Amino acid sequence: MAVLSVVLAVVGVGLPAFYLLFPADTFIMFNAPSGSTITVGRTGVRIDPPPDRYPTNGFDHVDEYMAKLLNPSKGFKSAIIATEAGDRACTFWSRDGSAEVALAVEWRDEPEREARIRSFFAARNVAASQDYLSDNGGVTGSTRNLTYPLLGDVIEMTRAAQVILEELCGISRTDSLTIRYREG
């Protein structure tokens, strides 16, 4: 009975405190030893499986994920493509049939990379659909978030993704990759 009282007290105090103190648009992610992630936010808890790992020739698998993103369906889908170390990455996503690529840049540390990204898309007459600063590690406005629309079929999207990964993220065709695909 005492254990039940303690559990009820923790839930009775903890749950309201969580909703009052935890901002609505904030979440916390935990990495499990297995590679899966646990995301906790006001809307609930989500557990995602570990990413798919490709130790060699990761580019050979990009087309599978572009096909999933372009598969007609309602809702949000994303594929985070990263090096095994996680030091270079970008996100491709789609919502209701429209696909985009999102790139994050620490603009104070990498002004030349930001310029390269902007130049890359300007040369293709593609304007950013999102361009804003966000906080990272407690540093206000440290990360520039750039999102650009992508057009084409699976072959064109795969080719575009591979060029973006190489030219803008510094990922080579032979690098090992992790790809985390999500729906919803």
C-alpha atoms as a PDB file:
ATOM      1  CA  MET A   1       0.000   0.000   0.000  1.00  0.00           C
ATOM      2  CA  ALA A   2       2.889   2.349   0.796  1.00  0.00           C
ATOM      3  CA  VAL A   3       4.391   1.775  -2.668  1.00  0.00           C
ATOM      4  CA  LEU A   4       1.075   2.620  -4.307  1.00  0.00           C
ATOM      5  CA  SER A   5       0.888   5.831  -2.274  1.00  0.00           C
ATOM      6  CA  VAL A   6       4.397   6.830  -3.365  1.00  0.00           C
ATOM      7  CA  VAL A   7       3.633   6.093  -7.033  1.00  0.00           C
ATOM      8  CA  LEU A   8       0.388   8.082  -6.887  1.00  0.00           C
ATOM      9  CA  ALA A   9       2.181  10.985  -5.178  1.00  0.00           C
ATOM     10  CA  VAL A  10       4.946  11.031  -7.801  1.00  0.00           C
ATOM     11  CA  VAL A  11       2.434  10.892 -10.647  1.00  0.00           C
ATOM     12  CA  GLY A  12       0.148  13.428  -8.945  1.00  0.00           C
ATOM     13  CA  VAL A  13       2.948  15.954  -8.516  1.00  0.00           C
ATOM     14  CA  GLY A  14       5.217  15.012 -11.416  1.00  0.00           C
ATOM     15  CA  LEU A  15       2.666  14.980 -14.215  1.00  0.00           C
ATOM     16  CA  PRO A  16       1.227  18.464 -13.561  1.00  0.00           C
ATOM     17  CA  ALA A  17       4.753  19.840 -13.013  1.00  0.00           C
ATOM     18  CA  PHE A  18       5.866  18.293 -16.314  1.00  0.00           C
ATOM     19  CA  TYR A  19       3.037  19.973 -18.240  1.00  0.00           C
ATOM     20  CA  LEU A  20       3.509  23.304 -16.485  1.00  0.00           C
ATOM     21  CA  LEU A  21       7.290  23.468 -16.715  1.00  0.00           C
ATOM     22  CA  PHE A  22       7.953  21.676 -20.004  1.00  0.00           C
ATOM     23  CA  PRO A  23       7.296  24.013 -23.002  1.00  0.00           C
ATOM     24  CA  ALA A  24       4.816  22.685 -25.540  1.00  0.00           C
ATOM     25  CA  ASP A  25       7.255  22.753 -28.453  1.00  0.00           C
ATOM     26  CA  THR A  26      10.162  21.117 -26.606  1.00  0.00           C
ATOM     27  CA  PHE A  27      11.219  17.499 -26.432  1.00  0.00           C
ATOM     28  CA  ILE A  28      14.039  15.454 -24.952  1.00  0.00           C
ATOM     29  CA  MET A  29      15.695  12.584 -26.814  1.00  0.00           C
ATOM     30  CA  PHE A  30      17.515   9.704 -25.164  1.00  0.00           C
ATOM     31  CA  ASN A  31      19.711   7.281 -27.060  1.00  0.00           C
ATOM     32  CA  ALA A  32      19.356   3.693 -25.904  1.00  0.00           C
ATOM     33  CA  PRO A  33      22.397   1.382 -25.966  1.00  0.00           C
ATOM     34  CA  SER A  34      20.727  -0.545 -28.804  1.00  0.00           C
ATOM     35  CA  GLY A  35      20.768   2.571 -31.019  1.00  0.00           C
ATOM     36  CA  SER A  36      17.051   3.201 -30.710  1.00  0.00           C
ATOM     37  CA  THR A  37      15.859   6.607 -29.520  1.00  0.00           C
ATOM     38  CA  ILE A  38      13.285   7.549 -26.928  1.00  0.00           C
ATOM     39  CA  THR A  39      11.672  10.951 -27.409  1.00  0.00           C
ATOM     40  CA  VAL A  40       9.704  12.515 -24.551  1.00  0.00           C
ATOM     41  CA  GLY A  41       7.527  15.580 -25.031  1.00  0.00           C
ATOM     42  CA  ARG A  42       4.196  16.985 -23.953  1.00  0.00           C
ATOM     43  CA  THR A  43       2.437  15.026 -26.645  1.00  0.00           C
ATOM     44  CA  GLY A  44       3.780  11.718 -25.410  1.00  0.00           C
ATOM     45  CA  VAL A  45       6.640   9.276 -25.604  1.00  0.00           C
ATOM     46  CA  ARG A  46       7.926   7.843 -28.864  1.00  0.00           C
ATOM     47  CA  ILE A  47      10.346   4.948 -29.284  1.00  0.00           C
ATOM     48  CA  ASP A  48      12.103   4.636 -32.630  1.00  0.00           C
ATOM     49  CA  PRO A  49      14.175   1.643 -33.707  1.00  0.00           C
ATOM     50  CA  PRO A  50      17.894   2.000 -34.379  1.00  0.00           C
ATOM     51  CA  PRO A  51      18.866   3.441 -37.763  1.00  0.00           C
ATOM     52  CA  ASP A  52      19.719   1.206 -40.666  1.00  0.00           C
ATOM     53  CA  ARG A  53      23.494   0.882 -40.965  1.00  0.00           C
ATOM     54  CA  TYR A  54      25.435   0.554 -44.195  1.00  0.00           C
ATOM     55  CA  PRO A  55      29.157  -0.009 -43.439  1.00  0.00           C
ATOM     56  CA  THR A  56      30.242   0.437 -47.062  1.00  0.00           C
ATOM     57  CA  ASN A  57      28.833   2.135 -50.143  1.00  0.00           C
ATOM     58  CA  GLY A  58      25.976   3.801 -48.298  1.00  0.00           C
ATOM     59  CA  PHE A  59      24.973   5.752 -51.415  1.00  0.00           C
ATOM     60  CA  ASP A  60      23.799   2.497 -52.988  1.00  0.00           C
ATOM     61  CA  HIS A  61      20.860   2.525 -50.556  1.00  0.00           C
ATOM     62  CA  VAL A  62      19.698   6.139 -50.804  1.00  0.00           C
ATOM     63  CA  ASP A  63      17.205   5.315 -53.563  1.00  0.00           C
ATOM     64  CA  GLU A  64      15.221   3.000 -51.249  1.00  0.00           C
ATOM     65  CA  TYR A  65      14.556   5.872 -48.855  1.00  0.00           C
ATOM     66  CA  MET A  66      13.779   8.411 -51.566  1.00  0.00           C
ATOM     67  CA  ALA A  67      11.188   5.940 -52.896  1.00  0.00           C
ATOM     68  CA  LYS A  68       9.620   5.692 -49.420  1.00  0.00           C
ATOM     69  CA  LEU A  69       9.512   9.477 -49.110  1.00  0.00           C
ATOM     70  CA  LEU A  70       7.866   9.863 -52.509  1.00  0.00           C
ATOM     71  CA  ASN A  71       5.386   7.041 -51.984  1.00  0.00           C
ATOM     72  CA  PRO A  72       2.007   8.822 -51.961  1.00  0.00           C
ATOM     73  CA  SER A  73       0.547   8.974 -48.482  1.00  0.00           C
ATOM     74  CA  LYS A  74      -0.743  11.541 -46.058  1.00  0.00           C
ATOM     75  CA  GLY A  75       1.367  12.663 -43.193  1.00  0.00           C
ATOM     76  CA  PHE A  76       5.004  13.344 -42.491  1.00  0.00           C
ATOM     77  CA  LYS A  77       7.944  11.109 -43.431  1.00  0.00           C
ATOM     78  CA  SER A  78      11.652  11.724 -42.936  1.00  0.00           C
ATOM     79  CA  ALA A  79      15.019  10.139 -43.618  1.00  0.00           C
ATOM     80  CA  ILE A  80      18.049  11.382 -41.703  1.00  0.00           C
ATOM     81  CA  ILE A  81      21.155  10.347 -43.616  1.00  0.00           C
ATOM     82  CA  ALA A  82      24.368  10.630 -41.607  1.00  0.00           C
ATOM     83  CA  THR A  83      27.898   9.335 -41.384  1.00  0.00           C
ATOM     84  CA  GLU A  84      28.449   6.579 -38.846  1.00  0.00           C
ATOM     85  CA  ALA A  85      30.069   9.125 -36.497  1.00  0.00           C
ATOM     86  CA  GLY A  86      27.072  11.444 -36.911  1.00  0.00           C
ATOM     87  CA  ASP A  87      29.307  14.436 -37.636  1.00  0.00           C
ATOM     88  CA  ARG A  88      27.879  15.047 -41.122  1.00  0.00           C
ATOM     89  CA  ALA A  89      24.207  14.663 -41.991  1.00  0.00           C
ATOM     90  CA  CYS A  90      21.089  16.100 -43.514  1.00  0.00           C
ATOM     91  CA  THR A  91      17.403  15.345 -43.433  1.00  0.00           C
ATOM     92  CA  PHE A  92      15.104  14.659 -46.339  1.00  0.00           C
ATOM     93  CA  TRP A  93      11.401  14.787 -45.641  1.00  0.00           C
ATOM     94  CA  SER A  94       8.051  14.790 -47.307  1.00  0.00           C
ATOM     95  CA  ARG A  95       4.596  15.840 -46.289  1.00  0.00           C
ATOM     96  CA  ASP A  96       1.559  15.117 -48.418  1.00  0.00           C
ATOM     97  CA  GLY A  97       3.701  14.482 -51.517  1.00  0.00           C
ATOM     98  CA  SER A  98       6.020  17.515 -51.261  1.00  0.00           C
ATOM     99  CA  ALA A  99       9.667  16.687 -50.592  1.00  0.00           C
ATOM    100  CA  GLU A 100      12.331  18.911 -49.046  1.00  0.00           C
ATOM    101  CA  VAL A 101      15.897  18.755 -47.760  1.00  0.00           C
ATOM    102  CA  ALA A 102      16.867  20.368 -44.460  1.00  0.00           C
ATOM    103  CA  LEU A 103      20.417  21.417 -43.687  1.00  0.00           C
ATOM    104  CA  ALA A 104      21.678  22.787 -40.378  1.00  0.00           C
ATOM    105  CA  VAL A 105      24.793  24.965 -40.224  1.00  0.00           C
ATOM    106  CA  GLU A 106      26.638  26.421 -37.265  1.00  0.00           C
ATOM    107  CA  TRP A 107      26.827  29.705 -39.142  1.00  0.00           C
ATOM    108  CA  ARG A 108      29.350  31.403 -36.848  1.00  0.00           C
ATOM    109  CA  ASP A 109      31.799  28.517 -37.258  1.00  0.00           C
ATOM    110  CA  GLU A 110      31.012  27.596 -40.883  1.00  0.00           C
ATOM    111  CA  PRO A 111      30.143  30.768 -42.830  1.00  0.00           C
ATOM    112  CA  GLU A 112      31.701  29.316 -45.992  1.00  0.00           C
ATOM    113  CA  ARG A 113      29.470  26.227 -45.751  1.00  0.00           C
ATOM    114  CA  GLU A 114      26.357  28.386 -45.405  1.00  0.00           C
ATOM    115  CA  ALA A 115      27.447  30.394 -48.462  1.00  0.00           C
ATOM    116  CA  ARG A 116      28.085  27.149 -50.385  1.00  0.00           C
ATOM    117  CA  ILE A 117      24.582  25.841 -49.549  1.00  0.00           C
ATOM    118  CA  ARG A 118      22.916  29.101 -50.574  1.00  0.00           C
ATOM    119  CA  SER A 119      24.961  29.261 -53.781  1.00  0.00           C
ATOM    120  CA  PHE A 120      24.199  25.627 -54.644  1.00  0.00           C
ATOM    121  CA  PHE A 121      20.439  26.196 -54.566  1.00  0.00           C
ATOM    122  CA  ALA A 122      20.574  29.708 -56.075  1.00  0.00           C
ATOM    123  CA  ALA A 123      22.404  28.256 -59.094  1.00  0.00           C
ATOM    124  CA  ARG A 124      19.422  25.920 -59.527  1.00  0.00           C
ATOM    125  CA  ASN A 125      16.856  28.724 -59.020  1.00  0.00           C
ATOM    126  CA  VAL A 126      15.520  27.101 -55.848  1.00  0.00           C
ATOM    127  CA  ALA A 127      14.529  29.425 -53.011  1.00  0.00           C
ATOM    128  CA  ALA A 128      14.574  28.335 -49.388  1.00  0.00           C
ATOM    129  CA  SER A 129      11.170  27.395 -47.993  1.00  0.00           C
ATOM    130  CA  GLN A 130      12.562  27.919 -44.470  1.00  0.00           C
ATOM    131  CA  ASP A 131      15.519  30.013 -43.318  1.00  0.00           C
ATOM    132  CA  TYR A 132      15.803  30.664 -39.591  1.00  0.00           C
ATOM    133  CA  LEU A 133      18.127  30.589 -36.605  1.00  0.00           C
ATOM    134  CA  SER A 134      17.663  28.221 -33.690  1.00  0.00           C
ATOM    135  CA  ASP A 135      19.433  27.571 -30.415  1.00  0.00           C
ATOM    136  CA  ASN A 136      21.919  24.759 -29.924  1.00  0.00           C
ATOM    137  CA  GLY A 137      23.545  23.725 -26.668  1.00  0.00           C
ATOM    138  CA  GLY A 138      22.236  26.790 -24.882  1.00  0.00           C
ATOM    139  CA  VAL A 139      23.715  29.182 -27.467  1.00  0.00           C
ATOM    140  CA  THR A 140      20.991  31.463 -28.788  1.00  0.00           C
ATOM    141  CA  GLY A 141      20.742  31.706 -32.578  1.00  0.00           C
ATOM    142  CA  SER A 142      23.748  29.489 -33.204  1.00  0.00           C
ATOM    143  CA  THR A 143      22.293  27.163 -35.828  1.00  0.00           C
ATOM    144  CA  ARG A 144      21.076  28.296 -39.250  1.00  0.00           C
ATOM    145  CA  ASN A 145      18.323  25.996 -40.531  1.00  0.00           C
ATOM    146  CA  LEU A 146      17.851  25.987 -44.291  1.00  0.00           C
ATOM    147  CA  THR A 147      15.135  23.972 -45.998  1.00  0.00           C
ATOM    148  CA  TYR A 148      14.756  23.693 -49.764  1.00  0.00           C
ATOM    149  CA  PRO A 149      12.050  22.016 -51.864  1.00  0.00           C
ATOM    150  CA  LEU A 150      13.018  19.084 -54.057  1.00  0.00           C
ATOM    151  CA  LEU A 151      11.247  18.102 -57.243  1.00  0.00           C
ATOM    152  CA  GLY A 152      11.283  15.080 -59.486  1.00  0.00           C
ATOM    153  CA  ASP A 153      10.755  11.360 -59.519  1.00  0.00           C
ATOM    154  CA  VAL A 154      12.684   8.799 -57.458  1.00  0.00           C
ATOM    155  CA  ILE A 155      15.651   8.756 -59.856  1.00  0.00           C
ATOM    156  CA  GLU A 156      15.947  12.569 -59.900  1.00  0.00           C
ATOM    157  CA  MET A 157      15.495  12.805 -56.115  1.00  0.00           C
ATOM    158  CA  THR A 158      18.110  10.108 -55.519  1.00  0.00           C
ATOM    159  CA  ARG A 159      20.570  11.880 -57.780  1.00  0.00           C
ATOM    160  CA  ALA A 160      19.859  15.210 -56.056  1.00  0.00           C
ATOM    161  CA  ALA A 161      20.230  13.624 -52.600  1.00  0.00           C
ATOM    162  CA  GLN A 162      23.577  12.089 -53.530  1.00  0.00           C
ATOM    163  CA  VAL A 163      24.895  15.409 -54.878  1.00  0.00           C
ATOM    164  CA  ILE A 164      23.691  17.243 -51.747  1.00  0.00           C
ATOM    165  CA  LEU A 165      25.314  14.646 -49.496  1.00  0.00           C
ATOM    166  CA  GLU A 166      28.619  14.922 -51.388  1.00  0.00           C
ATOM    167  CA  GLU A 167      28.834  18.633 -52.107  1.00  0.00           C
ATOM    168  CA  LEU A 168      27.066  20.158 -49.116  1.00  0.00           C
ATOM    169  CA  CYS A 169      27.604  17.589 -46.356  1.00  0.00           C
ATOM    170  CA  GLY A 170      31.041  16.272 -47.308  1.00  0.00           C
ATOM    171  CA  ILE A 171      29.896  12.648 -47.367  1.00  0.00           C
ATOM    172  CA  SER A 172      31.570  10.436 -49.962  1.00  0.00           C
ATOM    173  CA  ARG A 173      29.978   7.631 -51.939  1.00  0.00           C
ATOM    174  CA  THR A 174      31.989   5.030 -50.046  1.00  0.00           C
ATOM    175  CA  ASP A 175      31.377   6.351 -46.508  1.00  0.00           C
ATOM    176  CA  SER A 176      29.487   4.179 -44.095  1.00  0.00           C
ATOM    177  CA  LEU A 177      26.043   5.632 -43.473  1.00  0.00           C
ATOM    178  CA  THR A 178      23.272   5.414 -40.962  1.00  0.00           C
ATOM    179  CA  ILE A 179      19.781   6.153 -42.203  1.00  0.00           C
ATOM    180  CA  ARG A 180      16.947   6.735 -39.765  1.00  0.00           C
ATOM    181  CA  TYR A 181      13.574   6.591 -41.522  1.00  0.00           C
ATOM    182  CA  ARG A 182      10.387   7.693 -39.750  1.00  0.00           C
ATOM    183  CA  GLU A 183       6.753   8.026 -40.628  1.00  0.00           C
ATOM    184  CA  GLY A 184       4.329  10.104 -38.615  1.00  0.00           C
END
